[in-house]
């Protein structure tokens, strides 16, 4: 798949993000400080793509919107855990910040989807 197409394939993009986080976590040295952080990170990061897949199979517009809200929430939470892991494991700061940027972009994408949905819901129906 071409780079531009990958960027707009949100299901693929969120899956790749989950895979990248898994790879990062495998590299991080686990200790009593880092272990709970990586546990939280893996949950939030992989939840983004899982909920996006669920949104695509939603049974209603309301269900779709709720799943997209969850995607946004999980992306924001992922940014937090990446910052904490960067602090706890400084040798992985650059990689954490790279993934923080991707989580931020995903947050912005899901925000835009929500704004678009809410705009359509407020249109006058004739």
PDB file of N, CA and C in Angstrom:
ATOM      1  N   UNK A   1       0.841  -1.187   0.000  1.00  0.00           N
ATOM      2  CA  UNK A   1       0.000   0.000   0.000  1.00  0.00           C
ATOM      3  C   UNK A   1       0.882   1.245   0.000  1.00  0.00           C
ATOM      4  N   UNK A   2       0.500   2.217  -0.764  1.00  0.00           N
ATOM      5  CA  UNK A   2       1.226   3.476  -0.879  1.00  0.00           C
ATOM      6  C   UNK A   2       1.132   4.257   0.434  1.00  0.00           C
ATOM      7  N   UNK A   3       2.184   5.044   0.764  1.00  0.00           N
ATOM      8  CA  UNK A   3       2.236   5.818   2.014  1.00  0.00           C
ATOM      9  C   UNK A   3       1.007   6.689   2.219  1.00  0.00           C
ATOM     10  N   UNK A   4       0.571   7.397   1.176  1.00  0.00           N
ATOM     11  CA  UNK A   4      -0.589   8.281   1.291  1.00  0.00           C
ATOM     12  C   UNK A   4      -1.844   7.478   1.603  1.00  0.00           C
ATOM     13  N   UNK A   5      -2.009   6.352   0.938  1.00  0.00           N
ATOM     14  CA  UNK A   5      -3.178   5.504   1.198  1.00  0.00           C
ATOM     15  C   UNK A   5      -3.143   4.975   2.622  1.00  0.00           C
ATOM     16  N   UNK A   6      -1.964   4.591   3.108  1.00  0.00           N
ATOM     17  CA  UNK A   6      -1.833   4.101   4.477  1.00  0.00           C
ATOM     18  C   UNK A   6      -2.263   5.167   5.470  1.00  0.00           C
ATOM     19  N   UNK A   7      -1.888   6.413   5.202  1.00  0.00           N
ATOM     20  CA  UNK A   7      -2.212   7.515   6.097  1.00  0.00           C
ATOM     21  C   UNK A   7      -3.719   7.673   6.254  1.00  0.00           C
ATOM     22  N   UNK A   8      -4.472   7.404   5.179  1.00  0.00           N
ATOM     23  CA  UNK A   8      -5.916   7.576   5.211  1.00  0.00           C
ATOM     24  C   UNK A   8      -6.680   6.280   5.483  1.00  0.00           C
ATOM     25  N   UNK A   9      -5.977   5.172   5.602  1.00  0.00           N
ATOM     26  CA  UNK A   9      -6.589   3.906   5.991  1.00  0.00           C
ATOM     27  C   UNK A   9      -6.525   3.842   7.514  1.00  0.00           C
ATOM     28  N   UNK A  10      -7.535   4.375   8.156  1.00  0.00           N
ATOM     29  CA  UNK A  10      -7.498   4.529   9.610  1.00  0.00           C
ATOM     30  C   UNK A  10      -7.484   3.192  10.339  1.00  0.00           C
ATOM     31  N   UNK A  11      -8.150   2.193   9.799  1.00  0.00           N
ATOM     32  CA  UNK A  11      -8.113   0.870  10.432  1.00  0.00           C
ATOM     33  C   UNK A  11      -6.696   0.316  10.399  1.00  0.00           C
ATOM     34  N   UNK A  12      -6.049   0.417   9.252  1.00  0.00           N
ATOM     35  CA  UNK A  12      -4.670  -0.038   9.122  1.00  0.00           C
ATOM     36  C   UNK A  12      -3.715   0.788   9.957  1.00  0.00           C
ATOM     37  N   UNK A  13      -3.949   2.092   9.969  1.00  0.00           N
ATOM     38  CA  UNK A  13      -3.072   2.996  10.721  1.00  0.00           C
ATOM     39  C   UNK A  13      -3.152   2.713  12.220  1.00  0.00           C
ATOM     40  N   UNK A  14      -4.359   2.496  12.734  1.00  0.00           N
ATOM     41  CA  UNK A  14      -4.487   2.215  14.170  1.00  0.00           C
ATOM     42  C   UNK A  14      -3.927   0.835  14.515  1.00  0.00           C
ATOM     43  N   UNK A  15      -4.049  -0.113  13.605  1.00  0.00           N
ATOM     44  CA  UNK A  15      -3.470  -1.442  13.834  1.00  0.00           C
ATOM     45  C   UNK A  15      -1.938  -1.352  13.862  1.00  0.00           C
ATOM     46  N   UNK A  16      -1.372  -0.604  12.924  1.00  0.00           N
ATOM     47  CA  UNK A  16       0.087  -0.436  12.896  1.00  0.00           C
ATOM     48  C   UNK A  16       0.557   0.259  14.164  1.00  0.00           C
ATOM     49  N   UNK A  17      -0.187   1.252  14.609  1.00  0.00           N
ATOM     50  CA  UNK A  17       0.165   1.944  15.849  1.00  0.00           C
ATOM     51  C   UNK A  17       0.199   0.959  17.021  1.00  0.00           C
ATOM     52  N   UNK A  18      -0.797   0.094  17.117  1.00  0.00           N
ATOM     53  CA  UNK A  18      -0.823  -0.924  18.175  1.00  0.00           C
ATOM     54  C   UNK A  18       0.405  -1.826  18.083  1.00  0.00           C
ATOM     55  N   UNK A  19       0.726  -2.251  16.875  1.00  0.00           N
ATOM     56  CA  UNK A  19       1.891  -3.116  16.670  1.00  0.00           C
ATOM     57  C   UNK A  19       3.179  -2.402  17.069  1.00  0.00           C
ATOM     58  N   UNK A  20       3.291  -1.132  16.720  1.00  0.00           N
ATOM     59  CA  UNK A  20       4.483  -0.356  17.085  1.00  0.00           C
ATOM     60  C   UNK A  20       4.616  -0.227  18.597  1.00  0.00           C
ATOM     61  N   UNK A  21       3.505  -0.026  19.279  1.00  0.00           N
ATOM     62  CA  UNK A  21       3.532   0.070  20.744  1.00  0.00           C
ATOM     63  C   UNK A  21       3.942  -1.265  21.352  1.00  0.00           C
ATOM     64  N   UNK A  22       3.447  -2.352  20.804  1.00  0.00           N
ATOM     65  CA  UNK A  22       3.854  -3.684  21.279  1.00  0.00           C
ATOM     66  C   UNK A  22       5.361  -3.841  21.138  1.00  0.00           C
ATOM     67  N   UNK A  23       5.904  -3.449  19.988  1.00  0.00           N
ATOM     68  CA  UNK A  23       7.350  -3.532  19.769  1.00  0.00           C
ATOM     69  C   UNK A  23       8.114  -2.668  20.767  1.00  0.00           C
ATOM     70  N   UNK A  24       7.620  -1.466  21.019  1.00  0.00           N
ATOM     71  CA  UNK A  24       8.253  -0.580  21.998  1.00  0.00           C
ATOM     72  C   UNK A  24       8.259  -1.223  23.376  1.00  0.00           C
ATOM     73  N   UNK A  25       7.141  -1.719  23.794  1.00  0.00           N
ATOM     74  CA  UNK A  25       7.017  -2.306  25.137  1.00  0.00           C
ATOM     75  C   UNK A  25       7.946  -3.495  25.311  1.00  0.00           C
ATOM     76  N   UNK A  26       8.138  -4.260  24.256  1.00  0.00           N
ATOM     77  CA  UNK A  26       9.054  -5.408  24.341  1.00  0.00           C
ATOM     78  C   UNK A  26      10.490  -4.967  24.606  1.00  0.00           C
ATOM     79  N   UNK A  27      10.837  -3.742  24.170  1.00  0.00           N
ATOM     80  CA  UNK A  27      12.202  -3.236  24.345  1.00  0.00           C
ATOM     81  C   UNK A  27      12.441  -2.601  25.716  1.00  0.00           C
ATOM     82  N   UNK A  28      11.383  -2.136  26.346  1.00  0.00           N
ATOM     83  CA  UNK A  28      11.515  -1.392  27.603  1.00  0.00           C
ATOM     84  C   UNK A  28      11.846  -2.347  28.748  1.00  0.00           C
ATOM     85  N   UNK A  29      12.868  -1.969  29.511  1.00  0.00           N
ATOM     86  CA  UNK A  29      13.257  -2.743  30.695  1.00  0.00           C
ATOM     87  C   UNK A  29      12.156  -2.618  31.741  1.00  0.00           C
ATOM     88  N   UNK A  30      11.644  -3.748  32.203  1.00  0.00           N
ATOM     89  CA  UNK A  30      10.546  -3.733  33.166  1.00  0.00           C
ATOM     90  C   UNK A  30      11.102  -3.738  34.593  1.00  0.00           C
ATOM     91  N   UNK A  31      10.580  -2.834  35.391  1.00  0.00           N
ATOM     92  CA  UNK A  31      10.855  -2.836  36.822  1.00  0.00           C
ATOM     93  C   UNK A  31       9.557  -2.465  37.524  1.00  0.00           C
ATOM     94  N   UNK A  32       9.601  -2.281  38.823  1.00  0.00           N
ATOM     95  CA  UNK A  32       8.349  -2.059  39.543  1.00  0.00           C
ATOM     96  C   UNK A  32       7.697  -0.710  39.206  1.00  0.00           C
ATOM     97  N   UNK A  33       8.442   0.222  38.674  1.00  0.00           N
ATOM     98  CA  UNK A  33       7.868   1.502  38.247  1.00  0.00           C
ATOM     99  C   UNK A  33       7.295   1.376  36.837  1.00  0.00           C
ATOM    100  N   UNK A  34       8.042   0.764  35.949  1.00  0.00           N
ATOM    101  CA  UNK A  34       7.668   0.718  34.534  1.00  0.00           C
ATOM    102  C   UNK A  34       6.558  -0.296  34.261  1.00  0.00           C
ATOM    103  N   UNK A  35       6.532  -1.391  34.972  1.00  0.00           N
ATOM    104  CA  UNK A  35       5.562  -2.455  34.688  1.00  0.00           C
ATOM    105  C   UNK A  35       4.109  -1.974  34.681  1.00  0.00           C
ATOM    106  N   UNK A  36       3.654  -1.237  35.690  1.00  0.00           N
ATOM    107  CA  UNK A  36       2.259  -0.768  35.616  1.00  0.00           C
ATOM    108  C   UNK A  36       2.026   0.245  34.491  1.00  0.00           C
ATOM    109  N   UNK A  37       3.050   1.006  34.136  1.00  0.00           N
ATOM    110  CA  UNK A  37       2.921   1.983  33.055  1.00  0.00           C
ATOM    111  C   UNK A  37       2.728   1.285  31.716  1.00  0.00           C
ATOM    112  N   UNK A  38       3.537   0.252  31.451  1.00  0.00           N
ATOM    113  CA  UNK A  38       3.410  -0.447  30.168  1.00  0.00           C
ATOM    114  C   UNK A  38       2.091  -1.217  30.106  1.00  0.00           C
ATOM    115  N   UNK A  39       1.631  -1.684  31.251  1.00  0.00           N
ATOM    116  CA  UNK A  39       0.340  -2.372  31.297  1.00  0.00           C
ATOM    117  C   UNK A  39      -0.788  -1.426  30.884  1.00  0.00           C
ATOM    118  N   UNK A  40      -0.744  -0.207  31.395  1.00  0.00           N
ATOM    119  CA  UNK A  40      -1.746   0.798  31.031  1.00  0.00           C
ATOM    120  C   UNK A  40      -1.602   1.194  29.564  1.00  0.00           C
ATOM    121  N   UNK A  41      -0.369   1.377  29.119  1.00  0.00           N
ATOM    122  CA  UNK A  41      -0.127   1.796  27.738  1.00  0.00           C
ATOM    123  C   UNK A  41      -0.645   0.762  26.750  1.00  0.00           C
ATOM    124  N   UNK A  42      -0.367  -0.495  26.976  1.00  0.00           N
ATOM    125  CA  UNK A  42      -0.796  -1.515  26.019  1.00  0.00           C
ATOM    126  C   UNK A  42      -2.318  -1.572  25.939  1.00  0.00           C
ATOM    127  N   UNK A  43      -2.980  -1.366  27.062  1.00  0.00           N
ATOM    128  CA  UNK A  43      -4.447  -1.376  27.059  1.00  0.00           C
ATOM    129  C   UNK A  43      -5.012  -0.202  26.251  1.00  0.00           C
ATOM    130  N   UNK A  44      -4.515   0.993  26.540  1.00  0.00           N
ATOM    131  CA  UNK A  44      -5.078   2.170  25.861  1.00  0.00           C
ATOM    132  C   UNK A  44      -4.699   2.196  24.380  1.00  0.00           C
ATOM    133  N   UNK A  45      -3.456   1.885  24.067  1.00  0.00           N
ATOM    134  CA  UNK A  45      -2.995   1.973  22.673  1.00  0.00           C
ATOM    135  C   UNK A  45      -3.696   0.965  21.764  1.00  0.00           C
ATOM    136  N   UNK A  46      -3.848  -0.263  22.232  1.00  0.00           N
ATOM    137  CA  UNK A  46      -4.501  -1.277  21.397  1.00  0.00           C
ATOM    138  C   UNK A  46      -6.014  -1.084  21.353  1.00  0.00           C
ATOM    139  N   UNK A  47      -6.550  -0.404  22.344  1.00  0.00           N
ATOM    140  CA  UNK A  47      -7.980  -0.128  22.377  1.00  0.00           C
ATOM    141  C   UNK A  47      -8.406   0.851  21.284  1.00  0.00           C
ATOM    142  N   UNK A  48      -7.504   1.714  20.859  1.00  0.00           N
ATOM    143  CA  UNK A  48      -7.844   2.693  19.818  1.00  0.00           C
ATOM    144  C   UNK A  48      -8.310   1.971  18.558  1.00  0.00           C
ATOM    145  N   UNK A  49      -7.486   1.077  18.064  1.00  0.00           N
ATOM    146  CA  UNK A  49      -7.824   0.348  16.842  1.00  0.00           C
ATOM    147  C   UNK A  49      -8.999  -0.590  17.010  1.00  0.00           C
ATOM    148  N   UNK A  50      -9.067  -1.243  18.162  1.00  0.00           N
ATOM    149  CA  UNK A  50     -10.181  -2.167  18.411  1.00  0.00           C
ATOM    150  C   UNK A  50     -11.510  -1.419  18.383  1.00  0.00           C
ATOM    151  N   UNK A  51     -11.547  -0.257  19.013  1.00  0.00           N
ATOM    152  CA  UNK A  51     -12.786   0.520  19.031  1.00  0.00           C
ATOM    153  C   UNK A  51     -13.098   1.126  17.675  1.00  0.00           C
ATOM    154  N   UNK A  52     -12.062   1.452  16.899  1.00  0.00           N
ATOM    155  CA  UNK A  52     -12.321   1.957  15.553  1.00  0.00           C
ATOM    156  C   UNK A  52     -12.930   0.853  14.682  1.00  0.00           C
ATOM    157  N   UNK A  53     -12.427  -0.352  14.819  1.00  0.00           N
ATOM    158  CA  UNK A  53     -13.021  -1.481  14.080  1.00  0.00           C
ATOM    159  C   UNK A  53     -14.486  -1.669  14.490  1.00  0.00           C
ATOM    160  N   UNK A  54     -14.753  -1.554  15.786  1.00  0.00           N
ATOM    161  CA  UNK A  54     -16.129  -1.663  16.268  1.00  0.00           C
ATOM    162  C   UNK A  54     -16.985  -0.534  15.706  1.00  0.00           C
ATOM    163  N   UNK A  55     -16.430   0.674  15.643  1.00  0.00           N
ATOM    164  CA  UNK A  55     -17.176   1.814  15.095  1.00  0.00           C
ATOM    165  C   UNK A  55     -17.575   1.540  13.657  1.00  0.00           C
ATOM    166  N   UNK A  56     -16.674   0.955  12.886  1.00  0.00           N
ATOM    167  CA  UNK A  56     -16.970   0.654  11.489  1.00  0.00           C
ATOM    168  C   UNK A  56     -18.077  -0.382  11.336  1.00  0.00           C
ATOM    169  N   UNK A  57     -18.297  -1.168  12.374  1.00  0.00           N
ATOM    170  CA  UNK A  57     -19.381  -2.152  12.343  1.00  0.00           C
ATOM    171  C   UNK A  57     -20.554  -1.738  13.208  1.00  0.00           C
ATOM    172  N   UNK A  58     -20.632  -0.457  13.535  1.00  0.00           N
ATOM    173  CA  UNK A  58     -21.662   0.035  14.447  1.00  0.00           C
ATOM    174  C   UNK A  58     -23.064  -0.220  13.907  1.00  0.00           C
ATOM    175  N   UNK A  59     -23.985  -0.422  14.834  1.00  0.00           N
ATOM    176  CA  UNK A  59     -25.369  -0.718  14.469  1.00  0.00           C
ATOM    177  C   UNK A  59     -26.200   0.543  14.263  1.00  0.00           C
ATOM    178  N   UNK A  60     -25.677   1.684  14.669  1.00  0.00           N
ATOM    179  CA  UNK A  60     -26.410   2.944  14.510  1.00  0.00           C
ATOM    180  C   UNK A  60     -25.418   4.106  14.508  1.00  0.00           C
ATOM    181  N   UNK A  61     -25.908   5.286  14.128  1.00  0.00           N
ATOM    182  CA  UNK A  61     -25.059   6.483  14.164  1.00  0.00           C
ATOM    183  C   UNK A  61     -24.625   6.783  15.598  1.00  0.00           C
ATOM    184  N   UNK A  62     -25.536   6.582  16.532  1.00  0.00           N
ATOM    185  CA  UNK A  62     -25.221   6.833  17.946  1.00  0.00           C
ATOM    186  C   UNK A  62     -24.118   5.883  18.421  1.00  0.00           C
ATOM    187  N   UNK A  63     -24.220   4.621  18.041  1.00  0.00           N
ATOM    188  CA  UNK A  63     -23.209   3.624  18.399  1.00  0.00           C
ATOM    189  C   UNK A  63     -21.859   4.009  17.774  1.00  0.00           C
ATOM    190  N   UNK A  64     -21.873   4.420  16.504  1.00  0.00           N
ATOM    191  CA  UNK A  64     -20.651   4.850  15.818  1.00  0.00           C
ATOM    192  C   UNK A  64     -20.011   6.009  16.575  1.00  0.00           C
ATOM    193  N   UNK A  65     -20.805   7.017  16.892  1.00  0.00           N
ATOM    194  CA  UNK A  65     -20.298   8.198  17.591  1.00  0.00           C
ATOM    195  C   UNK A  65     -19.701   7.816  18.945  1.00  0.00           C
ATOM    196  N   UNK A  66     -20.369   6.945  19.685  1.00  0.00           N
ATOM    197  CA  UNK A  66     -19.854   6.515  20.991  1.00  0.00           C
ATOM    198  C   UNK A  66     -18.501   5.816  20.859  1.00  0.00           C
ATOM    199  N   UNK A  67     -18.361   4.970  19.859  1.00  0.00           N
ATOM    200  CA  UNK A  67     -17.091   4.262  19.647  1.00  0.00           C
ATOM    201  C   UNK A  67     -15.981   5.232  19.252  1.00  0.00           C
ATOM    202  N   UNK A  68     -16.320   6.228  18.442  1.00  0.00           N
ATOM    203  CA  UNK A  68     -15.325   7.228  18.044  1.00  0.00           C
ATOM    204  C   UNK A  68     -14.895   8.056  19.257  1.00  0.00           C
ATOM    205  N   UNK A  69     -15.840   8.384  20.130  1.00  0.00           N
ATOM    206  CA  UNK A  69     -15.489   9.076  21.375  1.00  0.00           C
ATOM    207  C   UNK A  69     -14.493   8.247  22.189  1.00  0.00           C
ATOM    208  N   UNK A  70     -14.729   6.949  22.250  1.00  0.00           N
ATOM    209  CA  UNK A  70     -13.821   6.059  22.986  1.00  0.00           C
ATOM    210  C   UNK A  70     -12.446   6.050  22.323  1.00  0.00           C
ATOM    211  N   UNK A  71     -12.405   6.009  20.996  1.00  0.00           N
ATOM    212  CA  UNK A  71     -11.122   6.072  20.276  1.00  0.00           C
ATOM    213  C   UNK A  71     -10.350   7.319  20.675  1.00  0.00           C
ATOM    214  N   UNK A  72     -11.035   8.450  20.677  1.00  0.00           N
ATOM    215  CA  UNK A  72     -10.396   9.718  21.035  1.00  0.00           C
ATOM    216  C   UNK A  72      -9.890   9.681  22.473  1.00  0.00           C
ATOM    217  N   UNK A  73     -10.714   9.195  23.374  1.00  0.00           N
ATOM    218  CA  UNK A  73     -10.342   9.114  24.785  1.00  0.00           C
ATOM    219  C   UNK A  73      -9.114   8.218  24.977  1.00  0.00           C
ATOM    220  N   UNK A  74      -9.102   7.086  24.316  1.00  0.00           N
ATOM    221  CA  UNK A  74      -7.987   6.146  24.440  1.00  0.00           C
ATOM    222  C   UNK A  74      -6.707   6.716  23.823  1.00  0.00           C
ATOM    223  N   UNK A  75      -6.838   7.459  22.729  1.00  0.00           N
ATOM    224  CA  UNK A  75      -5.666   8.090  22.108  1.00  0.00           C
ATOM    225  C   UNK A  75      -5.068   9.133  23.060  1.00  0.00           C
ATOM    226  N   UNK A  76      -5.931   9.908  23.710  1.00  0.00           N
ATOM    227  CA  UNK A  76      -5.446  10.907  24.670  1.00  0.00           C
ATOM    228  C   UNK A  76      -4.775  10.226  25.860  1.00  0.00           C
ATOM    229  N   UNK A  77      -5.370   9.146  26.334  1.00  0.00           N
ATOM    230  CA  UNK A  77      -4.777   8.406  27.456  1.00  0.00           C
ATOM    231  C   UNK A  77      -3.431   7.814  27.053  1.00  0.00           C
ATOM    232  N   UNK A  78      -3.327   7.325  25.844  1.00  0.00           N
ATOM    233  CA  UNK A  78      -2.073   6.760  25.344  1.00  0.00           C
ATOM    234  C   UNK A  78      -0.963   7.806  25.366  1.00  0.00           C
ATOM    235  N   UNK A  79      -1.288   9.033  24.995  1.00  0.00           N
ATOM    236  CA  UNK A  79      -0.301  10.114  25.041  1.00  0.00           C
ATOM    237  C   UNK A  79       0.243  10.268  26.469  1.00  0.00           C
ATOM    238  N   UNK A  80      -0.630  10.201  27.437  1.00  0.00           N
ATOM    239  CA  UNK A  80      -0.211  10.327  28.839  1.00  0.00           C
ATOM    240  C   UNK A  80       0.760   9.215  29.225  1.00  0.00           C
ATOM    241  N   UNK A  81       0.399   7.966  28.915  1.00  0.00           N
ATOM    242  CA  UNK A  81       1.255   6.837  29.306  1.00  0.00           C
ATOM    243  C   UNK A  81       2.586   6.867  28.577  1.00  0.00           C
ATOM    244  N   UNK A  82       2.600   7.316  27.342  1.00  0.00           N
ATOM    245  CA  UNK A  82       3.869   7.442  26.620  1.00  0.00           C
ATOM    246  C   UNK A  82       4.788   8.459  27.297  1.00  0.00           C
ATOM    247  N   UNK A  83       4.225   9.554  27.773  1.00  0.00           N
ATOM    248  CA  UNK A  83       5.038  10.544  28.503  1.00  0.00           C
ATOM    249  C   UNK A  83       5.602   9.942  29.783  1.00  0.00           C
ATOM    250  N   UNK A  84       4.803   9.152  30.479  1.00  0.00           N
ATOM    251  CA  UNK A  84       5.257   8.539  31.729  1.00  0.00           C
ATOM    252  C   UNK A  84       6.369   7.512  31.467  1.00  0.00           C
ATOM    253  N   UNK A  85       6.231   6.746  30.402  1.00  0.00           N
ATOM    254  CA  UNK A  85       7.264   5.757  30.071  1.00  0.00           C
ATOM    255  C   UNK A  85       8.542   6.468  29.632  1.00  0.00           C
ATOM    256  N   UNK A  86       8.411   7.566  28.903  1.00  0.00           N
ATOM    257  CA  UNK A  86       9.592   8.348  28.513  1.00  0.00           C
ATOM    258  C   UNK A  86      10.333   8.833  29.759  1.00  0.00           C
ATOM    259  N   UNK A  87       9.611   9.231  30.778  1.00  0.00           N
ATOM    260  CA  UNK A  87      10.223   9.689  32.029  1.00  0.00           C
ATOM    261  C   UNK A  87      10.869   8.520  32.783  1.00  0.00           C
ATOM    262  N   UNK A  88      10.165   7.399  32.844  1.00  0.00           N
ATOM    263  CA  UNK A  88      10.643   6.248  33.608  1.00  0.00           C
ATOM    264  C   UNK A  88      11.740   5.466  32.888  1.00  0.00           C
ATOM    265  N   UNK A  89      11.798   5.594  31.578  1.00  0.00           N
ATOM    266  CA  UNK A  89      12.756   4.850  30.761  1.00  0.00           C
ATOM    267  C   UNK A  89      13.378   5.805  29.741  1.00  0.00           C
ATOM    268  N   UNK A  90      14.246   6.709  30.214  1.00  0.00           N
ATOM    269  CA  UNK A  90      14.769   7.790  29.358  1.00  0.00           C
ATOM    270  C   UNK A  90      15.444   7.327  28.068  1.00  0.00           C
ATOM    271  N   UNK A  91      15.976   6.122  28.048  1.00  0.00           N
ATOM    272  CA  UNK A  91      16.628   5.646  26.829  1.00  0.00           C
ATOM    273  C   UNK A  91      15.632   5.433  25.680  1.00  0.00           C
ATOM    274  N   UNK A  92      14.329   5.465  25.994  1.00  0.00           N
ATOM    275  CA  UNK A  92      13.295   5.286  24.971  1.00  0.00           C
ATOM    276  C   UNK A  92      12.499   6.567  24.723  1.00  0.00           C
ATOM    277  N   UNK A  93      13.018   7.691  25.198  1.00  0.00           N
ATOM    278  CA  UNK A  93      12.296   8.964  25.067  1.00  0.00           C
ATOM    279  C   UNK A  93      11.993   9.314  23.622  1.00  0.00           C
ATOM    280  N   UNK A  94      12.964   9.203  22.739  1.00  0.00           N
ATOM    281  CA  UNK A  94      12.745   9.578  21.331  1.00  0.00           C
ATOM    282  C   UNK A  94      11.632   8.736  20.705  1.00  0.00           C
ATOM    283  N   UNK A  95      11.680   7.453  20.952  1.00  0.00           N
ATOM    284  CA  UNK A  95      10.660   6.562  20.392  1.00  0.00           C
ATOM    285  C   UNK A  95       9.293   6.875  20.999  1.00  0.00           C
ATOM    286  N   UNK A  96       9.254   7.114  22.298  1.00  0.00           N
ATOM    287  CA  UNK A  96       7.990   7.469  22.956  1.00  0.00           C
ATOM    288  C   UNK A  96       7.410   8.749  22.369  1.00  0.00           C
ATOM    289  N   UNK A  97       8.260   9.727  22.120  1.00  0.00           N
ATOM    290  CA  UNK A  97       7.768  10.994  21.575  1.00  0.00           C
ATOM    291  C   UNK A  97       7.284  10.839  20.137  1.00  0.00           C
ATOM    292  N   UNK A  98       7.923   9.953  19.386  1.00  0.00           N
ATOM    293  CA  UNK A  98       7.461   9.659  18.018  1.00  0.00           C
ATOM    294  C   UNK A  98       6.049   9.071  18.071  1.00  0.00           C
ATOM    295  N   UNK A  99       5.834   8.139  18.980  1.00  0.00           N
ATOM    296  CA  UNK A  99       4.510   7.523  19.104  1.00  0.00           C
ATOM    297  C   UNK A  99       3.512   8.472  19.761  1.00  0.00           C
ATOM    298  N   UNK A 100       4.004   9.377  20.624  1.00  0.00           N
ATOM    299  CA  UNK A 100       3.144  10.398  21.199  1.00  0.00           C
ATOM    300  C   UNK A 100       2.573  11.254  20.066  1.00  0.00           C
ATOM    301  N   UNK A 101       3.424  11.603  19.090  1.00  0.00           N
ATOM    302  CA  UNK A 101       2.977  12.410  17.950  1.00  0.00           C
ATOM    303  C   UNK A 101       1.905  11.674  17.154  1.00  0.00           C
ATOM    304  N   UNK A 102       2.090  10.390  16.930  1.00  0.00           N
ATOM    305  CA  UNK A 102       1.082   9.609  16.200  1.00  0.00           C
ATOM    306  C   UNK A 102      -0.219   9.556  16.998  1.00  0.00           C
ATOM    307  N   UNK A 103      -0.136   9.352  18.312  1.00  0.00           N
ATOM    308  CA  UNK A 103      -1.339   9.347  19.149  1.00  0.00           C
ATOM    309  C   UNK A 103      -2.029  10.706  19.101  1.00  0.00           C
ATOM    310  N   UNK A 104      -1.238  11.763  19.050  1.00  0.00           N
ATOM    311  CA  UNK A 104      -1.802  13.109  18.953  1.00  0.00           C
ATOM    312  C   UNK A 104      -2.541  13.293  17.617  1.00  0.00           C
ATOM    313  N   UNK A 105      -1.933  12.831  16.544  1.00  0.00           N
ATOM    314  CA  UNK A 105      -2.589  12.927  15.237  1.00  0.00           C
ATOM    315  C   UNK A 105      -3.888  12.124  15.222  1.00  0.00           C
ATOM    316  N   UNK A 106      -3.864  10.943  15.818  1.00  0.00           N
ATOM    317  CA  UNK A 106      -5.086  10.137  15.898  1.00  0.00           C
ATOM    318  C   UNK A 106      -6.151  10.862  16.721  1.00  0.00           C
ATOM    319  N   UNK A 107      -5.736  11.491  17.817  1.00  0.00           N
ATOM    320  CA  UNK A 107      -6.677  12.269  18.636  1.00  0.00           C
ATOM    321  C   UNK A 107      -7.342  13.350  17.790  1.00  0.00           C
ATOM    322  N   UNK A 108      -6.546  14.041  17.003  1.00  0.00           N
ATOM    323  CA  UNK A 108      -7.074  15.119  16.160  1.00  0.00           C
ATOM    324  C   UNK A 108      -8.019  14.561  15.084  1.00  0.00           C
ATOM    325  N   UNK A 109      -7.687  13.428  14.513  1.00  0.00           N
ATOM    326  CA  UNK A 109      -8.548  12.804  13.501  1.00  0.00           C
ATOM    327  C   UNK A 109      -9.894  12.437  14.111  1.00  0.00           C
ATOM    328  N   UNK A 110      -9.863  11.787  15.281  1.00  0.00           N
ATOM    329  CA  UNK A 110     -11.121  11.391  15.919  1.00  0.00           C
ATOM    330  C   UNK A 110     -11.921  12.609  16.362  1.00  0.00           C
ATOM    331  N   UNK A 111     -11.237  13.670  16.772  1.00  0.00           N
ATOM    332  CA  UNK A 111     -11.926  14.918  17.120  1.00  0.00           C
ATOM    333  C   UNK A 111     -12.667  15.474  15.909  1.00  0.00           C
ATOM    334  N   UNK A 112     -12.009  15.448  14.762  1.00  0.00           N
ATOM    335  CA  UNK A 112     -12.619  15.950  13.528  1.00  0.00           C
ATOM    336  C   UNK A 112     -13.826  15.098  13.135  1.00  0.00           C
ATOM    337  N   UNK A 113     -13.715  13.801  13.283  1.00  0.00           N
ATOM    338  CA  UNK A 113     -14.847  12.917  12.974  1.00  0.00           C
ATOM    339  C   UNK A 113     -16.028  13.273  13.873  1.00  0.00           C
ATOM    340  N   UNK A 114     -15.763  13.485  15.152  1.00  0.00           N
ATOM    341  CA  UNK A 114     -16.826  13.830  16.101  1.00  0.00           C
ATOM    342  C   UNK A 114     -17.469  15.164  15.731  1.00  0.00           C
ATOM    343  N   UNK A 115     -16.650  16.152  15.404  1.00  0.00           N
ATOM    344  CA  UNK A 115     -17.180  17.467  15.007  1.00  0.00           C
ATOM    345  C   UNK A 115     -18.058  17.330  13.768  1.00  0.00           C
ATOM    346  N   UNK A 116     -17.611  16.522  12.820  1.00  0.00           N
ATOM    347  CA  UNK A 116     -18.374  16.305  11.595  1.00  0.00           C
ATOM    348  C   UNK A 116     -19.711  15.632  11.905  1.00  0.00           C
ATOM    349  N   UNK A 117     -19.684  14.615  12.743  1.00  0.00           N
ATOM    350  CA  UNK A 117     -20.922  13.911  13.120  1.00  0.00           C
ATOM    351  C   UNK A 117     -21.871  14.865  13.821  1.00  0.00           C
ATOM    352  N   UNK A 118     -21.358  15.629  14.770  1.00  0.00           N
ATOM    353  CA  UNK A 118     -22.205  16.550  15.518  1.00  0.00           C
ATOM    354  C   UNK A 118     -22.758  17.641  14.609  1.00  0.00           C
ATOM    355  N   UNK A 119     -21.989  18.074  13.642  1.00  0.00           N
ATOM    356  CA  UNK A 119     -22.468  19.061  12.681  1.00  0.00           C
ATOM    357  C   UNK A 119     -23.620  18.531  11.856  1.00  0.00           C
ATOM    358  N   UNK A 120     -23.516  17.280  11.458  1.00  0.00           N
ATOM    359  CA  UNK A 120     -24.597  16.661  10.676  1.00  0.00           C
ATOM    360  C   UNK A 120     -25.841  16.481  11.522  1.00  0.00           C
ATOM    361  N   UNK A 121     -25.659  16.180  12.803  1.00  0.00           N
ATOM    362  CA  UNK A 121     -26.808  15.989  13.682  1.00  0.00           C
ATOM    363  C   UNK A 121     -27.551  17.298  13.930  1.00  0.00           C
ATOM    364  N   UNK A 122     -26.852  18.430  13.765  1.00  0.00           N
ATOM    365  CA  UNK A 122     -27.473  19.726  14.006  1.00  0.00           C
ATOM    366  C   UNK A 122     -28.066  20.355  12.746  1.00  0.00           C
ATOM    367  N   UNK A 123     -27.924  19.678  11.607  1.00  0.00           N
ATOM    368  CA  UNK A 123     -28.490  20.211  10.370  1.00  0.00           C
ATOM    369  C   UNK A 123     -30.014  20.182  10.447  1.00  0.00           C
ATOM    370  N   UNK A 124     -30.623  21.151   9.802  1.00  0.00           N
ATOM    371  CA  UNK A 124     -32.089  21.209   9.770  1.00  0.00           C
ATOM    372  C   UNK A 124     -32.576  20.117   8.824  1.00  0.00           C
ATOM    373  N   UNK A 125     -33.521  19.347   9.315  1.00  0.00           N
ATOM    374  CA  UNK A 125     -34.088  18.272   8.503  1.00  0.00           C
ATOM    375  C   UNK A 125     -35.406  18.760   7.894  1.00  0.00           C
ATOM    376  N   UNK A 126     -35.519  18.604   6.593  1.00  0.00           N
ATOM    377  CA  UNK A 126     -36.745  19.065   5.895  1.00  0.00           C
ATOM    378  C   UNK A 126     -37.546  17.864   5.465  1.00  0.00           C
TER     379      UNK A 126
END
